Amino acid sequence: MCVLCADLNTALHWSDVSTQQGCLRSRIQKLKVANLILKFYGLKLSVWGNQFILEDQKGRKELVRDLGDLCYKAQNLSNRPLDILDPDLLAFLDCG
């Protein structure tokens, strides 16, 4: 899908309902939390219009429509399996 068509995609993910109601703060908070977890996997998420760009340390990028799309795209860019219950990830998050 080209970038313009992807930006016109109006599908609404359940996690973005508060964003649609004018709560930009909620979207920024989701981005911060997602980046805390993604940092462990060498990934970074940034806002691009009403969607996101996911990038790895090699510069590879994926367009992410919403948080529901994030896990699939992150797994494609990560060099290890994503597991939110991974003891190393939990220790990494505790160190903050």
C-alpha atoms as a PDB file:
ATOM      1  CA  MET A   1       0.000   0.000   0.000  1.00  0.00           C
ATOM      2  CA  CYS A   2       1.372   3.431  -0.876  1.00  0.00           C
ATOM      3  CA  VAL A   3       1.878   6.050   1.826  1.00  0.00           C
ATOM      4  CA  LEU A   4      -1.009   8.228   0.639  1.00  0.00           C
ATOM      5  CA  CYS A   5      -3.494   5.363   0.598  1.00  0.00           C
ATOM      6  CA  ALA A   6      -2.315   4.201   4.002  1.00  0.00           C
ATOM      7  CA  ASP A   7      -2.873   7.675   5.435  1.00  0.00           C
ATOM      8  CA  LEU A   8      -6.400   7.711   4.070  1.00  0.00           C
ATOM      9  CA  ASN A   9      -7.214   4.458   5.849  1.00  0.00           C
ATOM     10  CA  THR A  10      -9.935   5.429   8.313  1.00  0.00           C
ATOM     11  CA  ALA A  11     -10.157   2.176  10.279  1.00  0.00           C
ATOM     12  CA  LEU A  12     -10.438   2.922  13.984  1.00  0.00           C
ATOM     13  CA  HIS A  13      -8.688   0.657  16.470  1.00  0.00           C
ATOM     14  CA  TRP A  14     -10.355   0.342  19.878  1.00  0.00           C
ATOM     15  CA  SER A  15      -7.257   1.779  21.613  1.00  0.00           C
ATOM     16  CA  ASP A  16      -7.608   5.036  19.666  1.00  0.00           C
ATOM     17  CA  VAL A  17     -11.152   5.902  20.763  1.00  0.00           C
ATOM     18  CA  SER A  18      -9.937   8.427  23.346  1.00  0.00           C
ATOM     19  CA  THR A  19      -7.675   9.984  20.690  1.00  0.00           C
ATOM     20  CA  GLN A  20     -10.680  10.487  18.415  1.00  0.00           C
ATOM     21  CA  GLN A  21     -12.425  12.301  21.252  1.00  0.00           C
ATOM     22  CA  GLY A  22      -9.692  14.922  21.304  1.00  0.00           C
ATOM     23  CA  CYS A  23      -7.385  13.425  23.913  1.00  0.00           C
ATOM     24  CA  LEU A  24      -3.926  13.911  22.393  1.00  0.00           C
ATOM     25  CA  ARG A  25      -2.400  13.313  25.824  1.00  0.00           C
ATOM     26  CA  SER A  26      -3.588   9.691  25.719  1.00  0.00           C
ATOM     27  CA  ARG A  27      -1.895   9.099  22.354  1.00  0.00           C
ATOM     28  CA  ILE A  28       1.381  10.583  23.602  1.00  0.00           C
ATOM     29  CA  GLN A  29       1.232   8.426  26.742  1.00  0.00           C
ATOM     30  CA  LYS A  30       0.673   5.278  24.640  1.00  0.00           C
ATOM     31  CA  LEU A  31       3.668   6.241  22.501  1.00  0.00           C
ATOM     32  CA  LYS A  32       5.897   6.649  25.582  1.00  0.00           C
ATOM     33  CA  VAL A  33       4.871   3.283  27.043  1.00  0.00           C
ATOM     34  CA  ALA A  34       5.277   1.524  23.706  1.00  0.00           C
ATOM     35  CA  ASN A  35       8.752   3.011  23.279  1.00  0.00           C
ATOM     36  CA  LEU A  36       9.817   1.809  26.740  1.00  0.00           C
ATOM     37  CA  ILE A  37       9.040  -1.749  25.680  1.00  0.00           C
ATOM     38  CA  LEU A  38      10.288  -1.405  22.093  1.00  0.00           C
ATOM     39  CA  LYS A  39      13.634  -0.004  23.248  1.00  0.00           C
ATOM     40  CA  PHE A  40      14.435  -3.433  24.718  1.00  0.00           C
ATOM     41  CA  TYR A  41      14.068  -4.894  21.217  1.00  0.00           C
ATOM     42  CA  GLY A  42      16.097  -2.125  19.532  1.00  0.00           C
ATOM     43  CA  LEU A  43      13.028  -0.477  18.020  1.00  0.00           C
ATOM     44  CA  LYS A  44      11.548   3.006  18.163  1.00  0.00           C
ATOM     45  CA  LEU A  45       8.037   4.244  17.420  1.00  0.00           C
ATOM     46  CA  SER A  46       7.293   7.791  16.267  1.00  0.00           C
ATOM     47  CA  VAL A  47       4.168   9.636  15.185  1.00  0.00           C
ATOM     48  CA  TRP A  48       3.558  10.183  11.492  1.00  0.00           C
ATOM     49  CA  GLY A  49       0.279  11.974  10.822  1.00  0.00           C
ATOM     50  CA  ASN A  50      -2.472   9.878  12.360  1.00  0.00           C
ATOM     51  CA  GLN A  51      -0.314   6.749  12.195  1.00  0.00           C
ATOM     52  CA  PHE A  52       3.117   5.669  13.419  1.00  0.00           C
ATOM     53  CA  ILE A  53       6.525   4.815  11.979  1.00  0.00           C
ATOM     54  CA  LEU A  54       8.380   1.891  13.558  1.00  0.00           C
ATOM     55  CA  GLU A  55      12.147   1.878  12.999  1.00  0.00           C
ATOM     56  CA  ASP A  56      14.955  -0.491  13.907  1.00  0.00           C
ATOM     57  CA  GLN A  57      18.603   0.382  14.551  1.00  0.00           C
ATOM     58  CA  LYS A  58      19.540  -0.467  10.954  1.00  0.00           C
ATOM     59  CA  GLY A  59      17.145   2.169   9.606  1.00  0.00           C
ATOM     60  CA  ARG A  60      14.484  -0.258   8.357  1.00  0.00           C
ATOM     61  CA  LYS A  61      11.004   1.227   8.759  1.00  0.00           C
ATOM     62  CA  GLU A  62       7.415  -0.011   8.854  1.00  0.00           C
ATOM     63  CA  LEU A  63       4.238   2.052   8.719  1.00  0.00           C
ATOM     64  CA  VAL A  64       2.036   1.150  11.704  1.00  0.00           C
ATOM     65  CA  ARG A  65      -1.662   2.021  11.422  1.00  0.00           C
ATOM     66  CA  ASP A  66      -2.532   1.604  15.100  1.00  0.00           C
ATOM     67  CA  LEU A  67      -1.473  -0.237  18.235  1.00  0.00           C
ATOM     68  CA  GLY A  68      -3.212  -3.377  16.997  1.00  0.00           C
ATOM     69  CA  ASP A  69      -0.814  -3.420  14.041  1.00  0.00           C
ATOM     70  CA  LEU A  70       2.254  -2.742  16.188  1.00  0.00           C
ATOM     71  CA  CYS A  71       3.073  -6.258  17.450  1.00  0.00           C
ATOM     72  CA  TYR A  72       3.030  -7.793  13.986  1.00  0.00           C
ATOM     73  CA  LYS A  73       5.254  -5.063  12.519  1.00  0.00           C
ATOM     74  CA  ALA A  74       7.606  -5.075  15.535  1.00  0.00           C
ATOM     75  CA  GLN A  75       8.079  -8.826  15.190  1.00  0.00           C
ATOM     76  CA  ASN A  76       9.031  -8.319  11.539  1.00  0.00           C
ATOM     77  CA  LEU A  77      11.748  -5.806  12.451  1.00  0.00           C
ATOM     78  CA  SER A  78      13.043  -7.434  15.629  1.00  0.00           C
ATOM     79  CA  ASN A  79      15.831  -9.976  15.602  1.00  0.00           C
ATOM     80  CA  ARG A  80      14.277 -11.857  18.538  1.00  0.00           C
ATOM     81  CA  PRO A  81      10.776 -13.026  19.461  1.00  0.00           C
ATOM     82  CA  LEU A  82       8.588 -10.470  21.202  1.00  0.00           C
ATOM     83  CA  ASP A  83       7.418 -11.749  24.580  1.00  0.00           C
ATOM     84  CA  ILE A  84       5.937  -9.304  27.083  1.00  0.00           C
ATOM     85  CA  LEU A  85       6.515 -11.846  29.864  1.00  0.00           C
ATOM     86  CA  ASP A  86      10.210 -12.308  29.044  1.00  0.00           C
ATOM     87  CA  PRO A  87      12.092 -12.065  32.397  1.00  0.00           C
ATOM     88  CA  ASP A  88      14.848 -10.012  30.725  1.00  0.00           C
ATOM     89  CA  LEU A  89      12.296  -7.520  29.411  1.00  0.00           C
ATOM     90  CA  LEU A  90      10.650  -7.223  32.828  1.00  0.00           C
ATOM     91  CA  ALA A  91      14.050  -6.622  34.454  1.00  0.00           C
ATOM     92  CA  PHE A  92      14.839  -4.020  31.769  1.00  0.00           C
ATOM     93  CA  LEU A  93      11.566  -2.209  32.490  1.00  0.00           C
ATOM     94  CA  ASP A  94      12.201  -2.317  36.261  1.00  0.00           C
ATOM     95  CA  CYS A  95      15.550  -0.553  35.704  1.00  0.00           C
ATOM     96  CA  GLY A  96      13.591   2.079  33.829  1.00  0.00           C
END
